[in-house]
Amino acid sequence: MAKTNTYDSDLDTDTGTSASERLSGLTDNASSQIDSSPLIALGAGLALGAVLGAVLPASDKERELLGPIGTKLTDASTGAFDRGRGMAKQKFDEMAGDKLREFMGASGTSSGSSNA
């Protein structure tokens, strides 16, 4: 029995290319895509990193090193959110008060003129 080459199974009989040649072609294609649009590649890399960071559990060392930073970020974002919410409520109250005064002034003027 003749020994067959272990890479024969990797050969695509339709095109005559091996898996390593196809992989090389894919990496060349990916490299040219990155060169032509680096911002899209950067965005894709950031998205992939975010997904992997969300999926993979944090190690004890990460918690030890990044825990205080996470606490500071959480506190800062909570404070900023509270200040923004307070400013939005104040602005809404001012606008609502102006509209209410405008409405009451308009209805008071019309009722005052009908009574006169």
PDB file of N, CA and C in Angstrom:
ATOM      1  N   MET A   1       0.827  -1.172   0.000  1.00  0.00           N
ATOM      2  CA  MET A   1       0.000   0.000   0.000  1.00  0.00           C
ATOM      3  C   MET A   1       0.879   1.246   0.000  1.00  0.00           C
ATOM      4  N   ALA A   2       0.607   2.172  -0.884  1.00  0.00           N
ATOM      5  CA  ALA A   2       1.417   3.375  -0.991  1.00  0.00           C
ATOM      6  C   ALA A   2       0.978   4.389   0.052  1.00  0.00           C
ATOM      7  N   LYS A   3       1.953   5.049   0.628  1.00  0.00           N
ATOM      8  CA  LYS A   3       1.663   6.071   1.631  1.00  0.00           C
ATOM      9  C   LYS A   3       1.248   7.351   0.909  1.00  0.00           C
ATOM     10  N   THR A   4       0.145   7.938   1.342  1.00  0.00           N
ATOM     11  CA  THR A   4      -0.327   9.178   0.723  1.00  0.00           C
ATOM     12  C   THR A   4       0.196  10.362   1.503  1.00  0.00           C
ATOM     13  N   ASN A   5       0.339  11.454   0.843  1.00  0.00           N
ATOM     14  CA  ASN A   5       0.799  12.698   1.465  1.00  0.00           C
ATOM     15  C   ASN A   5      -0.280  13.187   2.423  1.00  0.00           C
ATOM     16  N   THR A   6       0.094  13.603   3.617  1.00  0.00           N
ATOM     17  CA  THR A   6      -0.892  14.058   4.595  1.00  0.00           C
ATOM     18  C   THR A   6      -1.555  15.353   4.154  1.00  0.00           C
ATOM     19  N   TYR A   7      -0.916  16.103   3.251  1.00  0.00           N
ATOM     20  CA  TYR A   7      -1.482  17.366   2.791  1.00  0.00           C
ATOM     21  C   TYR A   7      -2.405  17.186   1.599  1.00  0.00           C
ATOM     22  N   ASP A   8      -2.523  15.963   1.074  1.00  0.00           N
ATOM     23  CA  ASP A   8      -3.400  15.727  -0.067  1.00  0.00           C
ATOM     24  C   ASP A   8      -4.846  16.028   0.270  1.00  0.00           C
ATOM     25  N   SER A   9      -5.240  15.784   1.520  1.00  0.00           N
ATOM     26  CA  SER A   9      -6.627  16.044   1.903  1.00  0.00           C
ATOM     27  C   SER A   9      -6.924  17.536   1.951  1.00  0.00           C
ATOM     28  N   ASP A  10      -5.870  18.360   2.107  1.00  0.00           N
ATOM     29  CA  ASP A  10      -6.048  19.807   2.127  1.00  0.00           C
ATOM     30  C   ASP A  10      -6.160  20.402   0.728  1.00  0.00           C
ATOM     31  N   LEU A  11      -5.844  19.622  -0.282  1.00  0.00           N
ATOM     32  CA  LEU A  11      -5.846  20.125  -1.649  1.00  0.00           C
ATOM     33  C   LEU A  11      -7.272  20.248  -2.161  1.00  0.00           C
ATOM     34  N   ASP A  12      -7.610  21.438  -2.626  1.00  0.00           N
ATOM     35  CA  ASP A  12      -8.919  21.671  -3.233  1.00  0.00           C
ATOM     36  C   ASP A  12      -8.843  21.171  -4.664  1.00  0.00           C
ATOM     37  N   THR A  13      -9.540  20.096  -4.945  1.00  0.00           N
ATOM     38  CA  THR A  13      -9.438  19.481  -6.264  1.00  0.00           C
ATOM     39  C   THR A  13     -10.045  20.347  -7.350  1.00  0.00           C
ATOM     40  N   ASP A  14     -10.980  21.241  -7.009  1.00  0.00           N
ATOM     41  CA  ASP A  14     -11.584  22.107  -8.023  1.00  0.00           C
ATOM     42  C   ASP A  14     -10.600  23.169  -8.506  1.00  0.00           C
ATOM     43  N   THR A  15      -9.882  23.795  -7.593  1.00  0.00           N
ATOM     44  CA  THR A  15      -8.989  24.891  -7.982  1.00  0.00           C
ATOM     45  C   THR A  15      -7.529  24.494  -7.975  1.00  0.00           C
ATOM     46  N   GLY A  16      -7.182  23.377  -7.357  1.00  0.00           N
ATOM     47  CA  GLY A  16      -5.794  22.945  -7.291  1.00  0.00           C
ATOM     48  C   GLY A  16      -4.976  23.714  -6.282  1.00  0.00           C
ATOM     49  N   THR A  17      -5.604  24.355  -5.310  1.00  0.00           N
ATOM     50  CA  THR A  17      -4.885  25.113  -4.287  1.00  0.00           C
ATOM     51  C   THR A  17      -4.988  24.402  -2.949  1.00  0.00           C
ATOM     52  N   SER A  18      -3.944  24.534  -2.161  1.00  0.00           N
ATOM     53  CA  SER A  18      -3.944  23.911  -0.841  1.00  0.00           C
ATOM     54  C   SER A  18      -4.531  24.877   0.176  1.00  0.00           C
ATOM     55  N   ALA A  19      -4.792  24.360   1.357  1.00  0.00           N
ATOM     56  CA  ALA A  19      -5.340  25.190   2.437  1.00  0.00           C
ATOM     57  C   ALA A  19      -4.366  26.295   2.808  1.00  0.00           C
ATOM     58  N   SER A  20      -3.082  26.008   2.811  1.00  0.00           N
ATOM     59  CA  SER A  20      -2.101  27.034   3.175  1.00  0.00           C
ATOM     60  C   SER A  20      -2.063  28.143   2.125  1.00  0.00           C
ATOM     61  N   GLU A  21      -2.237  27.793   0.848  1.00  0.00           N
ATOM     62  CA  GLU A  21      -2.283  28.819  -0.198  1.00  0.00           C
ATOM     63  C   GLU A  21      -3.538  29.674  -0.062  1.00  0.00           C
ATOM     64  N   ARG A  22      -4.660  29.055   0.265  1.00  0.00           N
ATOM     65  CA  ARG A  22      -5.903  29.812   0.456  1.00  0.00           C
ATOM     66  C   ARG A  22      -5.790  30.733   1.661  1.00  0.00           C
ATOM     67  N   LEU A  23      -5.178  30.236   2.739  1.00  0.00           N
ATOM     68  CA  LEU A  23      -4.990  31.050   3.938  1.00  0.00           C
ATOM     69  C   LEU A  23      -4.077  32.229   3.640  1.00  0.00           C
ATOM     70  N   SER A  24      -3.024  31.987   2.886  1.00  0.00           N
ATOM     71  CA  SER A  24      -2.120  33.071   2.508  1.00  0.00           C
ATOM     72  C   SER A  24      -2.857  34.127   1.687  1.00  0.00           C
ATOM     73  N   GLY A  25      -3.724  33.684   0.793  1.00  0.00           N
ATOM     74  CA  GLY A  25      -4.513  34.620  -0.002  1.00  0.00           C
ATOM     75  C   GLY A  25      -5.453  35.437   0.865  1.00  0.00           C
ATOM     76  N   LEU A  26      -6.049  34.789   1.868  1.00  0.00           N
ATOM     77  CA  LEU A  26      -6.947  35.513   2.776  1.00  0.00           C
ATOM     78  C   LEU A  26      -6.199  36.558   3.599  1.00  0.00           C
ATOM     79  N   THR A  27      -5.017  36.213   4.081  1.00  0.00           N
ATOM     80  CA  THR A  27      -4.266  37.181   4.881  1.00  0.00           C
ATOM     81  C   THR A  27      -3.799  38.348   4.018  1.00  0.00           C
ATOM     82  N   ASP A  28      -3.413  38.054   2.773  1.00  0.00           N
ATOM     83  CA  ASP A  28      -3.038  39.146   1.868  1.00  0.00           C
ATOM     84  C   ASP A  28      -4.225  40.063   1.609  1.00  0.00           C
ATOM     85  N   ASN A  29      -5.402  39.476   1.427  1.00  0.00           N
ATOM     86  CA  ASN A  29      -6.620  40.256   1.183  1.00  0.00           C
ATOM     87  C   ASN A  29      -6.959  41.102   2.412  1.00  0.00           C
ATOM     88  N   ALA A  30      -6.871  40.510   3.595  1.00  0.00           N
ATOM     89  CA  ALA A  30      -7.160  41.243   4.828  1.00  0.00           C
ATOM     90  C   ALA A  30      -6.166  42.388   5.013  1.00  0.00           C
ATOM     91  N   SER A  31      -4.900  42.125   4.712  1.00  0.00           N
ATOM     92  CA  SER A  31      -3.881  43.158   4.842  1.00  0.00           C
ATOM     93  C   SER A  31      -4.153  44.322   3.896  1.00  0.00           C
ATOM     94  N   SER A  32      -4.551  44.039   2.669  1.00  0.00           N
ATOM     95  CA  SER A  32      -4.838  45.130   1.728  1.00  0.00           C
ATOM     96  C   SER A  32      -6.083  45.899   2.142  1.00  0.00           C
ATOM     97  N   GLN A  33      -7.081  45.211   2.742  1.00  0.00           N
ATOM     98  CA  GLN A  33      -8.282  45.891   3.230  1.00  0.00           C
ATOM     99  C   GLN A  33      -7.931  46.841   4.381  1.00  0.00           C
ATOM    100  N   ILE A  34      -7.058  46.401   5.265  1.00  0.00           N
ATOM    101  CA  ILE A  34      -6.639  47.245   6.393  1.00  0.00           C
ATOM    102  C   ILE A  34      -5.871  48.455   5.883  1.00  0.00           C
ATOM    103  N   ASP A  35      -5.004  48.236   4.890  1.00  0.00           N
ATOM    104  CA  ASP A  35      -4.238  49.353   4.325  1.00  0.00           C
ATOM    105  C   ASP A  35      -5.144  50.365   3.646  1.00  0.00           C
ATOM    106  N   SER A  36      -6.217  49.894   3.003  1.00  0.00           N
ATOM    107  CA  SER A  36      -7.086  50.817   2.266  1.00  0.00           C
ATOM    108  C   SER A  36      -8.054  51.569   3.180  1.00  0.00           C
ATOM    109  N   SER A  37      -8.440  50.992   4.297  1.00  0.00           N
ATOM    110  CA  SER A  37      -9.357  51.687   5.211  1.00  0.00           C
ATOM    111  C   SER A  37      -8.972  51.387   6.661  1.00  0.00           C
ATOM    112  N   PRO A  38      -7.957  52.093   7.168  1.00  0.00           N
ATOM    113  CA  PRO A  38      -7.472  51.807   8.518  1.00  0.00           C
ATOM    114  C   PRO A  38      -8.452  52.179   9.623  1.00  0.00           C
ATOM    115  N   LEU A  39      -9.282  53.194   9.414  1.00  0.00           N
ATOM    116  CA  LEU A  39     -10.234  53.574  10.467  1.00  0.00           C
ATOM    117  C   LEU A  39     -11.298  52.508  10.660  1.00  0.00           C
ATOM    118  N   ILE A  40     -11.733  51.897   9.560  1.00  0.00           N
ATOM    119  CA  ILE A  40     -12.706  50.807   9.674  1.00  0.00           C
ATOM    120  C   ILE A  40     -12.059  49.630  10.391  1.00  0.00           C
ATOM    121  N   ALA A  41     -10.802  49.342  10.071  1.00  0.00           N
ATOM    122  CA  ALA A  41     -10.095  48.250  10.737  1.00  0.00           C
ATOM    123  C   ALA A  41      -9.940  48.541  12.228  1.00  0.00           C
ATOM    124  N   LEU A  42      -9.646  49.788  12.560  1.00  0.00           N
ATOM    125  CA  LEU A  42      -9.521  50.176  13.967  1.00  0.00           C
ATOM    126  C   LEU A  42     -10.853  50.000  14.692  1.00  0.00           C
ATOM    127  N   GLY A  43     -11.940  50.456  14.065  1.00  0.00           N
ATOM    128  CA  GLY A  43     -13.268  50.299  14.663  1.00  0.00           C
ATOM    129  C   GLY A  43     -13.634  48.840  14.852  1.00  0.00           C
ATOM    130  N   ALA A  44     -13.319  48.020  13.852  1.00  0.00           N
ATOM    131  CA  ALA A  44     -13.609  46.587  13.966  1.00  0.00           C
ATOM    132  C   ALA A  44     -12.789  45.965  15.085  1.00  0.00           C
ATOM    133  N   GLY A  45     -11.540  46.387  15.200  1.00  0.00           N
ATOM    134  CA  GLY A  45     -10.691  45.871  16.277  1.00  0.00           C
ATOM    135  C   GLY A  45     -11.193  46.281  17.649  1.00  0.00           C
ATOM    136  N   LEU A  46     -11.635  47.517  17.773  1.00  0.00           N
ATOM    137  CA  LEU A  46     -12.194  47.982  19.055  1.00  0.00           C
ATOM    138  C   LEU A  46     -13.476  47.231  19.396  1.00  0.00           C
ATOM    139  N   ALA A  47     -14.327  47.011  18.383  1.00  0.00           N
ATOM    140  CA  ALA A  47     -15.569  46.284  18.616  1.00  0.00           C
ATOM    141  C   ALA A  47     -15.276  44.851  19.035  1.00  0.00           C
ATOM    142  N   LEU A  48     -14.334  44.213  18.352  1.00  0.00           N
ATOM    143  CA  LEU A  48     -13.964  42.846  18.709  1.00  0.00           C
ATOM    144  C   LEU A  48     -13.393  42.793  20.123  1.00  0.00           C
ATOM    145  N   GLY A  49     -12.550  43.766  20.459  1.00  0.00           N
ATOM    146  CA  GLY A  49     -11.988  43.818  21.812  1.00  0.00           C
ATOM    147  C   GLY A  49     -13.055  44.013  22.873  1.00  0.00           C
ATOM    148  N   ALA A  50     -14.043  44.853  22.573  1.00  0.00           N
ATOM    149  CA  ALA A  50     -15.128  45.077  23.532  1.00  0.00           C
ATOM    150  C   ALA A  50     -15.951  43.815  23.733  1.00  0.00           C
ATOM    151  N   VAL A  51     -16.225  43.115  22.636  1.00  0.00           N
ATOM    152  CA  VAL A  51     -16.996  41.865  22.738  1.00  0.00           C
ATOM    153  C   VAL A  51     -16.220  40.832  23.536  1.00  0.00           C
ATOM    154  N   LEU A  52     -14.943  40.668  23.217  1.00  0.00           N
ATOM    155  CA  LEU A  52     -14.137  39.699  23.960  1.00  0.00           C
ATOM    156  C   LEU A  52     -14.008  40.102  25.426  1.00  0.00           C
ATOM    157  N   GLY A  53     -13.851  41.391  25.692  1.00  0.00           N
ATOM    158  CA  GLY A  53     -13.762  41.850  27.076  1.00  0.00           C
ATOM    159  C   GLY A  53     -15.042  41.604  27.854  1.00  0.00           C
ATOM    160  N   ALA A  54     -16.178  41.701  27.175  1.00  0.00           N
ATOM    161  CA  ALA A  54     -17.458  41.466  27.841  1.00  0.00           C
ATOM    162  C   ALA A  54     -17.715  39.979  28.052  1.00  0.00           C
ATOM    163  N   VAL A  55     -17.217  39.164  27.147  1.00  0.00           N
ATOM    164  CA  VAL A  55     -17.491  37.725  27.203  1.00  0.00           C
ATOM    165  C   VAL A  55     -16.546  37.001  28.148  1.00  0.00           C
ATOM    166  N   LEU A  56     -15.278  37.355  28.100  1.00  0.00           N
ATOM    167  CA  LEU A  56     -14.291  36.655  28.915  1.00  0.00           C
ATOM    168  C   LEU A  56     -14.336  37.165  30.348  1.00  0.00           C
ATOM    169  N   PRO A  57     -14.242  36.276  31.315  1.00  0.00           N
ATOM    170  CA  PRO A  57     -14.272  36.718  32.714  1.00  0.00           C
ATOM    171  C   PRO A  57     -12.982  37.450  33.087  1.00  0.00           C
ATOM    172  N   ALA A  58     -13.109  38.380  33.998  1.00  0.00           N
ATOM    173  CA  ALA A  58     -11.950  39.142  34.465  1.00  0.00           C
ATOM    174  C   ALA A  58     -11.124  38.280  35.405  1.00  0.00           C
ATOM    175  N   SER A  59      -9.820  38.409  35.316  1.00  0.00           N
ATOM    176  CA  SER A  59      -8.947  37.654  36.212  1.00  0.00           C
ATOM    177  C   SER A  59      -8.813  38.399  37.542  1.00  0.00           C
ATOM    178  N   ASP A  60      -8.272  37.689  38.525  1.00  0.00           N
ATOM    179  CA  ASP A  60      -8.060  38.315  39.838  1.00  0.00           C
ATOM    180  C   ASP A  60      -7.081  39.485  39.734  1.00  0.00           C
ATOM    181  N   LYS A  61      -6.073  39.344  38.892  1.00  0.00           N
ATOM    182  CA  LYS A  61      -5.085  40.414  38.727  1.00  0.00           C
ATOM    183  C   LYS A  61      -5.732  41.639  38.093  1.00  0.00           C
ATOM    184  N   GLU A  62      -6.625  41.434  37.101  1.00  0.00           N
ATOM    185  CA  GLU A  62      -7.334  42.562  36.490  1.00  0.00           C
ATOM    186  C   GLU A  62      -8.195  43.277  37.516  1.00  0.00           C
ATOM    187  N   ARG A  63      -8.902  42.510  38.331  1.00  0.00           N
ATOM    188  CA  ARG A  63      -9.737  43.130  39.367  1.00  0.00           C
ATOM    189  C   ARG A  63      -8.879  43.918  40.352  1.00  0.00           C
ATOM    190  N   GLU A  64      -7.727  43.362  40.699  1.00  0.00           N
ATOM    191  CA  GLU A  64      -6.830  44.019  41.649  1.00  0.00           C
ATOM    192  C   GLU A  64      -6.281  45.326  41.076  1.00  0.00           C
ATOM    193  N   LEU A  65      -5.861  45.289  39.804  1.00  0.00           N
ATOM    194  CA  LEU A  65      -5.245  46.467  39.205  1.00  0.00           C
ATOM    195  C   LEU A  65      -6.264  47.495  38.733  1.00  0.00           C
ATOM    196  N   LEU A  66      -7.378  47.043  38.188  1.00  0.00           N
ATOM    197  CA  LEU A  66      -8.335  47.962  37.571  1.00  0.00           C
ATOM    198  C   LEU A  66      -9.536  48.284  38.449  1.00  0.00           C
ATOM    199  N   GLY A  67      -9.691  47.606  39.574  1.00  0.00           N
ATOM    200  CA  GLY A  67     -10.829  47.843  40.459  1.00  0.00           C
ATOM    201  C   GLY A  67     -10.950  49.285  40.922  1.00  0.00           C
ATOM    202  N   PRO A  68      -9.866  49.880  41.435  1.00  0.00           N
ATOM    203  CA  PRO A  68      -9.957  51.281  41.877  1.00  0.00           C
ATOM    204  C   PRO A  68     -10.291  52.246  40.741  1.00  0.00           C
ATOM    205  N   ILE A  69      -9.755  51.981  39.558  1.00  0.00           N
ATOM    206  CA  ILE A  69     -10.052  52.842  38.407  1.00  0.00           C
ATOM    207  C   ILE A  69     -11.525  52.728  38.038  1.00  0.00           C
ATOM    208  N   GLY A  70     -12.040  51.499  38.048  1.00  0.00           N
ATOM    209  CA  GLY A  70     -13.455  51.292  37.746  1.00  0.00           C
ATOM    210  C   GLY A  70     -14.356  52.004  38.742  1.00  0.00           C
ATOM    211  N   THR A  71     -13.970  51.978  40.011  1.00  0.00           N
ATOM    212  CA  THR A  71     -14.752  52.666  41.041  1.00  0.00           C
ATOM    213  C   THR A  71     -14.741  54.171  40.802  1.00  0.00           C
ATOM    214  N   LYS A  72     -13.563  54.717  40.468  1.00  0.00           N
ATOM    215  CA  LYS A  72     -13.473  56.163  40.198  1.00  0.00           C
ATOM    216  C   LYS A  72     -14.306  56.540  38.977  1.00  0.00           C
ATOM    217  N   LEU A  73     -14.243  55.722  37.927  1.00  0.00           N
ATOM    218  CA  LEU A  73     -15.024  56.001  36.723  1.00  0.00           C
ATOM    219  C   LEU A  73     -16.521  55.938  37.009  1.00  0.00           C
ATOM    220  N   THR A  74     -16.920  54.961  37.793  1.00  0.00           N
ATOM    221  CA  THR A  74     -18.338  54.825  38.141  1.00  0.00           C
ATOM    222  C   THR A  74     -18.806  56.034  38.939  1.00  0.00           C
ATOM    223  N   ASP A  75     -18.009  56.440  39.918  1.00  0.00           N
ATOM    224  CA  ASP A  75     -18.370  57.610  40.727  1.00  0.00           C
ATOM    225  C   ASP A  75     -18.438  58.878  39.883  1.00  0.00           C
ATOM    226  N   ALA A  76     -17.453  59.059  38.996  1.00  0.00           N
ATOM    227  CA  ALA A  76     -17.432  60.258  38.151  1.00  0.00           C
ATOM    228  C   ALA A  76     -18.614  60.272  37.189  1.00  0.00           C
ATOM    229  N   SER A  77     -18.918  59.127  36.602  1.00  0.00           N
ATOM    230  CA  SER A  77     -20.032  59.089  35.650  1.00  0.00           C
ATOM    231  C   SER A  77     -21.369  59.274  36.357  1.00  0.00           C
ATOM    232  N   THR A  78     -21.494  58.737  37.557  1.00  0.00           N
ATOM    233  CA  THR A  78     -22.730  58.921  38.320  1.00  0.00           C
ATOM    234  C   THR A  78     -22.908  60.397  38.673  1.00  0.00           C
ATOM    235  N   GLY A  79     -21.832  61.050  39.097  1.00  0.00           N
ATOM    236  CA  GLY A  79     -21.896  62.471  39.421  1.00  0.00           C
ATOM    237  C   GLY A  79     -22.247  63.313  38.200  1.00  0.00           C
ATOM    238  N   ALA A  80     -21.623  63.001  37.067  1.00  0.00           N
ATOM    239  CA  ALA A  80     -21.907  63.750  35.829  1.00  0.00           C
ATOM    240  C   ALA A  80     -23.354  63.532  35.399  1.00  0.00           C
ATOM    241  N   PHE A  81     -23.835  62.307  35.526  1.00  0.00           N
ATOM    242  CA  PHE A  81     -25.222  62.013  35.168  1.00  0.00           C
ATOM    243  C   PHE A  81     -26.188  62.782  36.065  1.00  0.00           C
ATOM    244  N   ASP A  82     -25.914  62.788  37.355  1.00  0.00           N
ATOM    245  CA  ASP A  82     -26.780  63.509  38.297  1.00  0.00           C
ATOM    246  C   ASP A  82     -26.797  65.010  38.007  1.00  0.00           C
ATOM    247  N   ARG A  83     -25.617  65.588  37.720  1.00  0.00           N
ATOM    248  CA  ARG A  83     -25.558  67.015  37.388  1.00  0.00           C
ATOM    249  C   ARG A  83     -26.319  67.306  36.093  1.00  0.00           C
ATOM    250  N   GLY A  84     -26.146  66.440  35.091  1.00  0.00           N
ATOM    251  CA  GLY A  84     -26.861  66.620  33.825  1.00  0.00           C
ATOM    252  C   GLY A  84     -28.356  66.508  33.998  1.00  0.00           C
ATOM    253  N   ARG A  85     -28.786  65.554  34.807  1.00  0.00           N
ATOM    254  CA  ARG A  85     -30.215  65.385  35.070  1.00  0.00           C
ATOM    255  C   ARG A  85     -30.769  66.608  35.800  1.00  0.00           C
ATOM    256  N   GLY A  86     -30.012  67.128  36.768  1.00  0.00           N
ATOM    257  CA  GLY A  86     -30.452  68.320  37.494  1.00  0.00           C
ATOM    258  C   GLY A  86     -30.563  69.533  36.585  1.00  0.00           C
ATOM    259  N   MET A  87     -29.572  69.704  35.679  1.00  0.00           N
ATOM    260  CA  MET A  87     -29.620  70.825  34.748  1.00  0.00           C
ATOM    261  C   MET A  87     -30.785  70.683  33.772  1.00  0.00           C
ATOM    262  N   ALA A  88     -31.029  69.461  33.307  1.00  0.00           N
ATOM    263  CA  ALA A  88     -32.142  69.238  32.383  1.00  0.00           C
ATOM    264  C   ALA A  88     -33.474  69.504  33.073  1.00  0.00           C
ATOM    265  N   LYS A  89     -33.608  69.080  34.327  1.00  0.00           N
ATOM    266  CA  LYS A  89     -34.852  69.319  35.071  1.00  0.00           C
ATOM    267  C   LYS A  89     -35.064  70.809  35.288  1.00  0.00           C
ATOM    268  N   GLN A  90     -33.980  71.513  35.628  1.00  0.00           N
ATOM    269  CA  GLN A  90     -34.083  72.954  35.838  1.00  0.00           C
ATOM    270  C   GLN A  90     -34.506  73.647  34.547  1.00  0.00           C
ATOM    271  N   LYS A  91     -33.896  73.291  33.425  1.00  0.00           N
ATOM    272  CA  LYS A  91     -34.237  73.909  32.151  1.00  0.00           C
ATOM    273  C   LYS A  91     -35.678  73.581  31.761  1.00  0.00           C
ATOM    274  N   PHE A  92     -36.088  72.338  31.996  1.00  0.00           N
ATOM    275  CA  PHE A  92     -37.465  71.951  31.691  1.00  0.00           C
ATOM    276  C   PHE A  92     -38.442  72.757  32.539  1.00  0.00           C
ATOM    277  N   ASP A  93     -38.138  72.897  33.835  1.00  0.00           N
ATOM    278  CA  ASP A  93     -39.015  73.669  34.717  1.00  0.00           C
ATOM    279  C   ASP A  93     -39.102  75.132  34.263  1.00  0.00           C
ATOM    280  N   GLU A  94     -37.957  75.698  33.835  1.00  0.00           N
ATOM    281  CA  GLU A  94     -37.973  77.071  33.331  1.00  0.00           C
ATOM    282  C   GLU A  94     -38.834  77.183  32.087  1.00  0.00           C
ATOM    283  N   MET A  95     -38.661  76.251  31.161  1.00  0.00           N
ATOM    284  CA  MET A  95     -39.431  76.295  29.914  1.00  0.00           C
ATOM    285  C   MET A  95     -40.912  76.057  30.181  1.00  0.00           C
ATOM    286  N   ALA A  96     -41.203  75.109  31.076  1.00  0.00           N
ATOM    287  CA  ALA A  96     -42.601  74.825  31.403  1.00  0.00           C
ATOM    288  C   ALA A  96     -43.228  76.027  32.103  1.00  0.00           C
ATOM    289  N   GLY A  97     -42.460  76.663  32.986  1.00  0.00           N
ATOM    290  CA  GLY A  97     -42.976  77.845  33.674  1.00  0.00           C
ATOM    291  C   GLY A  97     -43.244  78.983  32.699  1.00  0.00           C
ATOM    292  N   ASP A  98     -42.326  79.169  31.729  1.00  0.00           N
ATOM    293  CA  ASP A  98     -42.534  80.214  30.715  1.00  0.00           C
ATOM    294  C   ASP A  98     -43.795  79.919  29.914  1.00  0.00           C
ATOM    295  N   LYS A  99     -43.958  78.682  29.504  1.00  0.00           N
ATOM    296  CA  LYS A  99     -45.144  78.314  28.711  1.00  0.00           C
ATOM    297  C   LYS A  99     -46.412  78.452  29.540  1.00  0.00           C
ATOM    298  N   LEU A 100     -46.342  78.085  30.808  1.00  0.00           N
ATOM    299  CA  LEU A 100     -47.510  78.202  31.677  1.00  0.00           C
ATOM    300  C   LEU A 100     -47.881  79.672  31.869  1.00  0.00           C
ATOM    301  N   ARG A 101     -46.874  80.521  32.129  1.00  0.00           N
ATOM    302  CA  ARG A 101     -47.141  81.949  32.265  1.00  0.00           C
ATOM    303  C   ARG A 101     -47.688  82.527  30.965  1.00  0.00           C
ATOM    304  N   GLU A 102     -47.120  82.076  29.848  1.00  0.00           N
ATOM    305  CA  GLU A 102     -47.593  82.535  28.545  1.00  0.00           C
ATOM    306  C   GLU A 102     -49.049  82.105  28.332  1.00  0.00           C
ATOM    307  N   PHE A 103     -49.344  80.881  28.692  1.00  0.00           N
ATOM    308  CA  PHE A 103     -50.708  80.377  28.543  1.00  0.00           C
ATOM    309  C   PHE A 103     -51.661  81.119  29.472  1.00  0.00           C
ATOM    310  N   MET A 104     -51.253  81.272  30.729  1.00  0.00           N
ATOM    311  CA  MET A 104     -52.116  81.957  31.690  1.00  0.00           C
ATOM    312  C   MET A 104     -52.283  83.431  31.311  1.00  0.00           C
ATOM    313  N   GLY A 105     -51.230  84.043  30.802  1.00  0.00           N
ATOM    314  CA  GLY A 105     -51.314  85.428  30.372  1.00  0.00           C
ATOM    315  C   GLY A 105     -52.247  85.575  29.180  1.00  0.00           C
ATOM    316  N   ALA A 106     -52.183  84.631  28.253  1.00  0.00           N
ATOM    317  CA  ALA A 106     -53.044  84.683  27.066  1.00  0.00           C
ATOM    318  C   ALA A 106     -54.491  84.437  27.448  1.00  0.00           C
ATOM    319  N   SER A 107     -54.721  83.472  28.331  1.00  0.00           N
ATOM    320  CA  SER A 107     -56.113  83.192  28.723  1.00  0.00           C
ATOM    321  C   SER A 107     -56.642  84.285  29.640  1.00  0.00           C
ATOM    322  N   GLY A 108     -55.740  84.870  30.479  1.00  0.00           N
ATOM    323  CA  GLY A 108     -56.161  85.974  31.340  1.00  0.00           C
ATOM    324  C   GLY A 108     -56.494  87.206  30.532  1.00  0.00           C
ATOM    325  N   THR A 109     -55.749  87.447  29.471  1.00  0.00           N
ATOM    326  CA  THR A 109     -55.998  88.597  28.615  1.00  0.00           C
ATOM    327  C   THR A 109     -57.310  88.427  27.873  1.00  0.00           C
ATOM    328  N   SER A 110     -57.549  87.215  27.387  1.00  0.00           N
ATOM    329  CA  SER A 110     -58.799  87.004  26.628  1.00  0.00           C
ATOM    330  C   SER A 110     -60.010  87.034  27.552  1.00  0.00           C
ATOM    331  N   SER A 111     -59.863  86.482  28.782  1.00  0.00           N
ATOM    332  CA  SER A 111     -61.016  86.535  29.700  1.00  0.00           C
ATOM    333  C   SER A 111     -61.208  87.932  30.228  1.00  0.00           C
ATOM    334  N   GLY A 112     -60.086  88.680  30.421  1.00  0.00           N
ATOM    335  CA  GLY A 112     -60.182  90.048  30.899  1.00  0.00           C
ATOM    336  C   GLY A 112     -60.837  90.941  29.862  1.00  0.00           C
ATOM    337  N   SER A 113     -60.550  90.709  28.585  1.00  0.00           N
ATOM    338  CA  SER A 113     -61.143  91.565  27.558  1.00  0.00           C
ATOM    339  C   SER A 113     -62.590  91.222  27.329  1.00  0.00           C
ATOM    340  N   SER A 114     -62.983  89.968  27.591  1.00  0.00           N
ATOM    341  CA  SER A 114     -64.389  89.623  27.393  1.00  0.00           C
ATOM    342  C   SER A 114     -65.251  90.141  28.549  1.00  0.00           C
ATOM    343  N   ASN A 115     -64.651  90.304  29.742  1.00  0.00           N
ATOM    344  CA  ASN A 115     -65.372  90.812  30.880  1.00  0.00           C
ATOM    345  C   ASN A 115     -65.517  92.335  30.817  1.00  0.00           C
ATOM    346  N   ALA A 116     -64.669  93.010  30.105  1.00  0.00           N
ATOM    347  CA  ALA A 116     -64.673  94.467  30.089  1.00  0.00           C
ATOM    348  C   ALA A 116     -65.695  95.059  29.202  1.00  0.00           C
TER     349      ALA A 116
END
